[in-house]
Amino acid sequence: MAGAVLQQTPVTFRSRGLPAVSHLSRRPLGKLSLSSNLKIPKLTVKPLARRVRGRGARMADTAAGSYATALADVAAANNTLDQTYADVELLRKVLYDEDAVSYFANPIIDEAEKRSVVDKIAQSANLQPHVVNFLYIVLDMKRIDIFGEIAKDFESIYNELTRTELAVVTSVVPLESPQLAEIARGVQQLTGAKNVRIKTAVDPSLVAGFTIRYGNSGSKLIDLSVKKQLEEIASQLEIGEIQLAVV
């Protein structure tokens, strides 16, 4: 059976045939800053203190968490959290491609050339100056290989600051917008969140129906799939797994 597939299309980034290299070793994260001619607040990354979140969860004391917190602090100070989140999501899709990560992590490629590529991405995507500055820091500190983790931690911080509940809806086929809107309203009523953001996934093994996962790190599950119903029937009848042939 096919597993759940997130509805996300990675951006293809080719390294022009340059030899791939392994990720550089991670160095301990010290306090760092990057000066710039840009008229933006100075961006500083510090070792992450154990910061208590609104829901009682604590961010792990990791390099990715430190970078994400620093970026969130600047975005909050600039009142640009929404746009910064959109910029980070775009960069996450670009750097989802292993060729892109290999390109930026390749020590053979001149740093000026890498910055030139970043500038082109920033211009075409209209990235905010402080996000570009942040990406320069990640490159300079040889941390491009953990950008996916940084983006994930930033999303968690963003959700808490904006009181946004993330719900992942998994179905056999993509659901229509009105159906997703109805699910979002239901999740909002359950959680009391100010905002609800829906991400979708496809899993043919559900047979029919859908599941909704939400809460801290997806800890809560609403299972309205036929697969779940079949499993419950099989359990009640004390028989093995029910196989349903789809014609």
Protein backbone atom coordinates (compact mmCIF):
# COMPACT_ATOMS: atom_id res chain seq x y z
CA MET A 1 0.00 0.00 0.00
CA ALA A 2 1.23 3.44 -0.77
CA GLY A 3 2.16 5.58 2.21
CA ALA A 4 0.97 9.08 2.94
CA VAL A 5 2.41 11.60 0.51
CA LEU A 6 2.51 15.26 1.47
CA GLN A 7 1.24 17.62 -1.20
CA GLN A 8 4.54 19.39 -1.66
CA THR A 9 6.51 19.80 -4.86
CA PRO A 10 10.22 20.41 -4.28
CA VAL A 11 11.93 23.05 -6.43
CA THR A 12 14.59 21.51 -8.64
CA PHE A 13 18.06 23.00 -8.21
CA ARG A 14 20.90 21.64 -10.26
CA SER A 15 24.54 21.87 -9.20
CA ARG A 16 25.83 21.94 -12.78
CA GLY A 17 27.64 18.66 -12.47
CA LEU A 18 29.86 19.67 -9.57
CA PRO A 19 31.04 16.73 -7.45
CA ALA A 20 28.82 16.06 -4.47
CA VAL A 21 30.47 16.31 -1.08
CA SER A 22 29.40 15.09 2.31
CA HIS A 23 27.92 17.57 4.74
CA LEU A 24 30.53 19.49 6.67
CA SER A 25 30.91 18.62 10.33
CA ARG A 26 28.76 20.67 12.68
CA ARG A 27 30.58 23.06 14.93
CA PRO A 28 29.38 24.24 18.35
CA LEU A 29 27.18 27.31 17.96
CA GLY A 30 28.58 30.43 19.52
CA LYS A 31 27.24 33.96 19.54
CA LEU A 32 27.46 35.43 16.09
CA SER A 33 26.26 38.37 14.07
CA LEU A 34 26.51 39.61 10.52
CA SER A 35 26.88 43.26 9.72
CA SER A 36 25.23 44.54 6.59
CA ASN A 37 24.56 47.75 4.72
CA LEU A 38 20.88 46.89 4.80
CA LYS A 39 18.70 49.12 6.99
CA ILE A 40 17.48 46.32 9.21
CA PRO A 41 17.97 45.32 12.86
CA LYS A 42 21.21 43.52 13.64
CA LEU A 43 20.58 39.79 13.52
CA THR A 44 22.23 37.87 16.33
CA VAL A 45 22.17 34.13 16.91
CA LYS A 46 22.82 32.99 20.46
CA PRO A 47 22.85 29.57 22.12
CA LEU A 48 19.19 28.84 22.77
CA ALA A 49 17.98 29.07 26.34
CA ARG A 50 15.25 26.70 27.32
CA ARG A 51 12.35 28.90 26.43
CA VAL A 52 8.94 28.01 27.82
CA ARG A 53 6.25 28.18 25.18
CA GLY A 54 2.62 29.09 25.53
CA ARG A 55 1.47 25.50 25.47
CA GLY A 56 4.04 24.36 27.99
CA ALA A 57 6.29 22.70 25.43
CA ARG A 58 10.00 23.48 25.37
CA MET A 59 12.11 23.87 22.30
CA ALA A 60 15.09 21.53 22.22
CA ASP A 61 18.43 23.19 22.88
CA THR A 62 19.65 22.77 19.32
CA ALA A 63 21.43 24.83 16.68
CA ALA A 64 18.31 24.83 14.49
CA GLY A 65 16.24 26.14 17.39
CA SER A 66 18.73 28.93 18.01
CA TYR A 67 18.64 30.10 14.41
CA ALA A 68 14.86 29.87 14.25
CA THR A 69 14.46 31.86 17.47
CA ALA A 70 16.80 34.60 16.26
CA LEU A 71 14.89 34.98 13.01
CA ALA A 72 11.53 34.99 14.80
CA ASP A 73 12.75 37.73 17.16
CA VAL A 74 13.71 39.97 14.24
CA ALA A 75 10.46 39.25 12.39
CA ALA A 76 8.40 40.02 15.50
CA ALA A 77 10.31 43.27 16.05
CA ASN A 78 9.65 44.26 12.43
CA ASN A 79 6.02 43.14 12.60
CA THR A 80 6.69 40.91 9.57
CA LEU A 81 5.98 37.46 10.99
CA ASP A 82 3.53 36.47 8.26
CA GLN A 83 5.78 37.51 5.38
CA THR A 84 8.84 36.01 7.06
CA TYR A 85 7.00 32.71 7.46
CA ALA A 86 6.13 32.79 3.74
CA ASP A 87 9.78 33.52 2.86
CA VAL A 88 11.04 30.65 5.04
CA GLU A 89 8.54 28.23 3.50
CA LEU A 90 9.69 29.21 0.02
CA LEU A 91 13.33 28.68 0.97
CA ARG A 92 12.45 25.35 2.56
CA LYS A 93 11.07 24.17 -0.79
CA VAL A 94 14.16 25.39 -2.65
CA LEU A 95 16.54 23.74 -0.19
CA TYR A 96 14.44 20.57 -0.05
CA ASP A 97 16.34 19.54 -3.16
CA GLU A 98 19.52 17.64 -2.28
CA ASP A 99 21.29 19.21 -5.28
CA ALA A 100 20.70 22.65 -3.78
CA VAL A 101 22.11 21.62 -0.40
CA SER A 102 25.13 19.97 -2.08
CA TYR A 103 25.73 23.11 -4.13
CA PHE A 104 25.77 25.49 -1.16
CA ALA A 105 27.76 23.05 1.02
CA ASN A 106 30.38 22.43 -1.68
CA PRO A 107 33.71 24.03 -0.58
CA ILE A 108 34.95 24.01 -4.19
CA ILE A 109 32.41 26.65 -5.17
CA ASP A 110 33.46 30.22 -4.42
CA GLU A 111 31.51 31.90 -1.62
CA ALA A 112 30.91 34.94 -3.78
CA GLU A 113 29.22 32.74 -6.37
CA LYS A 114 26.98 31.20 -3.70
CA ARG A 115 25.97 34.66 -2.51
CA SER A 116 25.25 35.62 -6.08
CA VAL A 117 22.85 32.68 -6.35
CA VAL A 118 21.21 33.70 -3.06
CA ASP A 119 20.80 37.23 -4.42
CA LYS A 120 19.11 35.90 -7.55
CA ILE A 121 16.74 33.76 -5.47
CA ALA A 122 16.01 36.75 -3.23
CA GLN A 123 15.29 39.01 -6.18
CA SER A 124 13.06 36.55 -8.03
CA ALA A 125 11.13 35.66 -4.86
CA ASN A 126 11.13 39.19 -3.45
CA LEU A 127 12.55 38.00 -0.13
CA GLN A 128 12.76 40.48 2.71
CA PRO A 129 16.22 41.91 3.46
CA HIS A 130 16.45 40.39 6.94
CA VAL A 131 15.62 36.94 5.52
CA VAL A 132 18.41 37.30 2.94
CA ASN A 133 20.75 38.45 5.70
CA PHE A 134 19.74 35.42 7.74
CA LEU A 135 20.48 33.06 4.85
CA TYR A 136 23.93 34.63 4.50
CA ILE A 137 24.57 33.76 8.17
CA VAL A 138 23.46 30.16 7.66
CA LEU A 139 25.80 29.88 4.66
CA ASP A 140 28.75 31.49 6.45
CA MET A 141 28.34 29.19 9.44
CA LYS A 142 28.18 26.09 7.23
CA ARG A 143 24.69 25.20 8.50
CA ILE A 144 22.82 24.98 5.23
CA ASP A 145 22.37 21.25 5.79
CA ILE A 146 20.05 21.90 8.76
CA PHE A 147 17.89 24.53 7.06
CA GLY A 148 14.96 22.10 6.96
CA GLU A 149 15.16 21.77 10.76
CA ILE A 150 15.46 25.55 11.13
CA ALA A 151 12.34 26.04 9.00
CA LYS A 152 10.43 23.47 11.04
CA ASP A 153 11.36 25.14 14.34
CA PHE A 154 10.51 28.56 12.92
CA GLU A 155 7.08 27.26 11.91
CA SER A 156 6.45 26.07 15.48
CA ILE A 157 7.44 29.45 16.91
CA TYR A 158 5.34 31.27 14.32
CA ASN A 159 2.30 29.14 15.15
CA GLU A 160 2.60 29.96 18.83
CA LEU A 161 3.17 33.68 18.37
CA THR A 162 0.19 33.96 16.02
CA ARG A 163 -2.01 31.45 17.89
CA THR A 164 -2.21 29.30 14.79
CA GLU A 165 -3.19 25.63 14.95
CA LEU A 166 -1.67 23.38 12.31
CA ALA A 167 -3.84 20.50 11.13
CA VAL A 168 -2.70 17.83 8.68
CA VAL A 169 -5.61 16.35 6.73
CA THR A 170 -4.90 13.00 5.07
CA SER A 171 -7.34 11.57 2.52
CA VAL A 172 -7.47 9.05 -0.32
CA VAL A 173 -7.86 11.82 -2.90
CA PRO A 174 -7.33 15.58 -2.50
CA LEU A 175 -10.29 17.27 -0.81
CA GLU A 176 -12.02 20.32 -2.25
CA SER A 177 -11.52 23.79 -0.75
CA PRO A 178 -15.03 23.96 0.83
CA GLN A 179 -14.39 20.64 2.58
CA LEU A 180 -11.04 21.85 3.92
CA ALA A 181 -12.64 25.10 5.08
CA GLU A 182 -15.26 23.13 7.01
CA ILE A 183 -12.53 21.00 8.62
CA ALA A 184 -10.62 24.16 9.57
CA ARG A 185 -13.70 25.58 11.29
CA GLY A 186 -14.13 22.32 13.20
CA VAL A 187 -10.51 22.33 14.38
CA GLN A 188 -10.86 25.96 15.42
CA GLN A 189 -13.87 25.10 17.56
CA LEU A 190 -12.02 22.17 19.15
CA THR A 191 -8.85 24.07 19.96
CA GLY A 192 -9.98 27.67 20.40
CA ALA A 193 -7.14 28.76 18.12
CA LYS A 194 -7.25 32.21 16.55
CA ASN A 195 -6.13 30.80 13.20
CA VAL A 196 -6.05 27.34 11.62
CA ARG A 197 -3.71 26.36 8.81
CA ILE A 198 -4.39 23.17 6.88
CA LYS A 199 -1.77 20.97 5.24
CA THR A 200 -2.93 18.09 3.09
CA ALA A 201 -1.60 14.62 2.39
CA VAL A 202 -2.75 11.69 0.26
CA ASP A 203 -2.82 8.08 1.50
CA PRO A 204 -4.66 5.51 -0.68
CA SER A 205 -4.49 2.92 2.12
CA LEU A 206 -7.27 4.76 3.97
CA VAL A 207 -9.72 3.31 1.37
CA ALA A 208 -12.14 6.22 1.95
CA GLY A 209 -12.71 9.06 4.40
CA PHE A 210 -9.93 11.07 5.99
CA THR A 211 -7.89 11.69 9.14
CA ILE A 212 -7.07 14.95 10.91
CA ARG A 213 -3.92 15.26 13.01
CA TYR A 214 -3.42 18.39 15.12
CA GLY A 215 -2.15 19.49 18.51
CA ASN A 216 1.40 19.78 19.79
CA SER A 217 3.60 17.89 17.31
CA GLY A 218 0.46 16.26 15.86
CA SER A 219 -0.36 14.51 19.13
CA LYS A 220 -4.14 14.43 18.54
CA LEU A 221 -5.84 12.37 15.85
CA ILE A 222 -9.37 12.28 14.49
CA ASP A 223 -9.72 9.16 12.33
CA LEU A 224 -12.76 9.12 10.04
CA SER A 225 -11.31 6.68 7.53
CA VAL A 226 -12.86 3.44 6.31
CA LYS A 227 -9.58 1.72 7.12
CA LYS A 228 -10.09 2.55 10.80
CA GLN A 229 -13.67 1.29 10.72
CA LEU A 230 -12.56 -1.99 9.14
CA GLU A 231 -9.88 -2.44 11.78
CA GLU A 232 -12.46 -1.89 14.54
CA ILE A 233 -14.84 -4.43 12.96
CA ALA A 234 -12.03 -6.96 12.66
CA SER A 235 -11.12 -6.41 16.30
CA GLN A 236 -14.70 -6.88 17.49
CA LEU A 237 -15.09 -10.08 15.49
CA GLU A 238 -11.65 -11.29 16.60
CA ILE A 239 -10.56 -11.95 13.03
CA GLY A 240 -7.48 -10.99 11.11
CA GLU A 241 -6.99 -7.88 9.05
CA ILE A 242 -9.80 -7.23 6.58
CA GLN A 243 -8.66 -6.90 3.02
CA LEU A 244 -10.89 -4.79 0.78
CA ALA A 245 -10.45 -5.19 -2.94
CA VAL A 246 -10.89 -1.94 -4.82
CA VAL A 247 -12.16 -2.54 -8.37
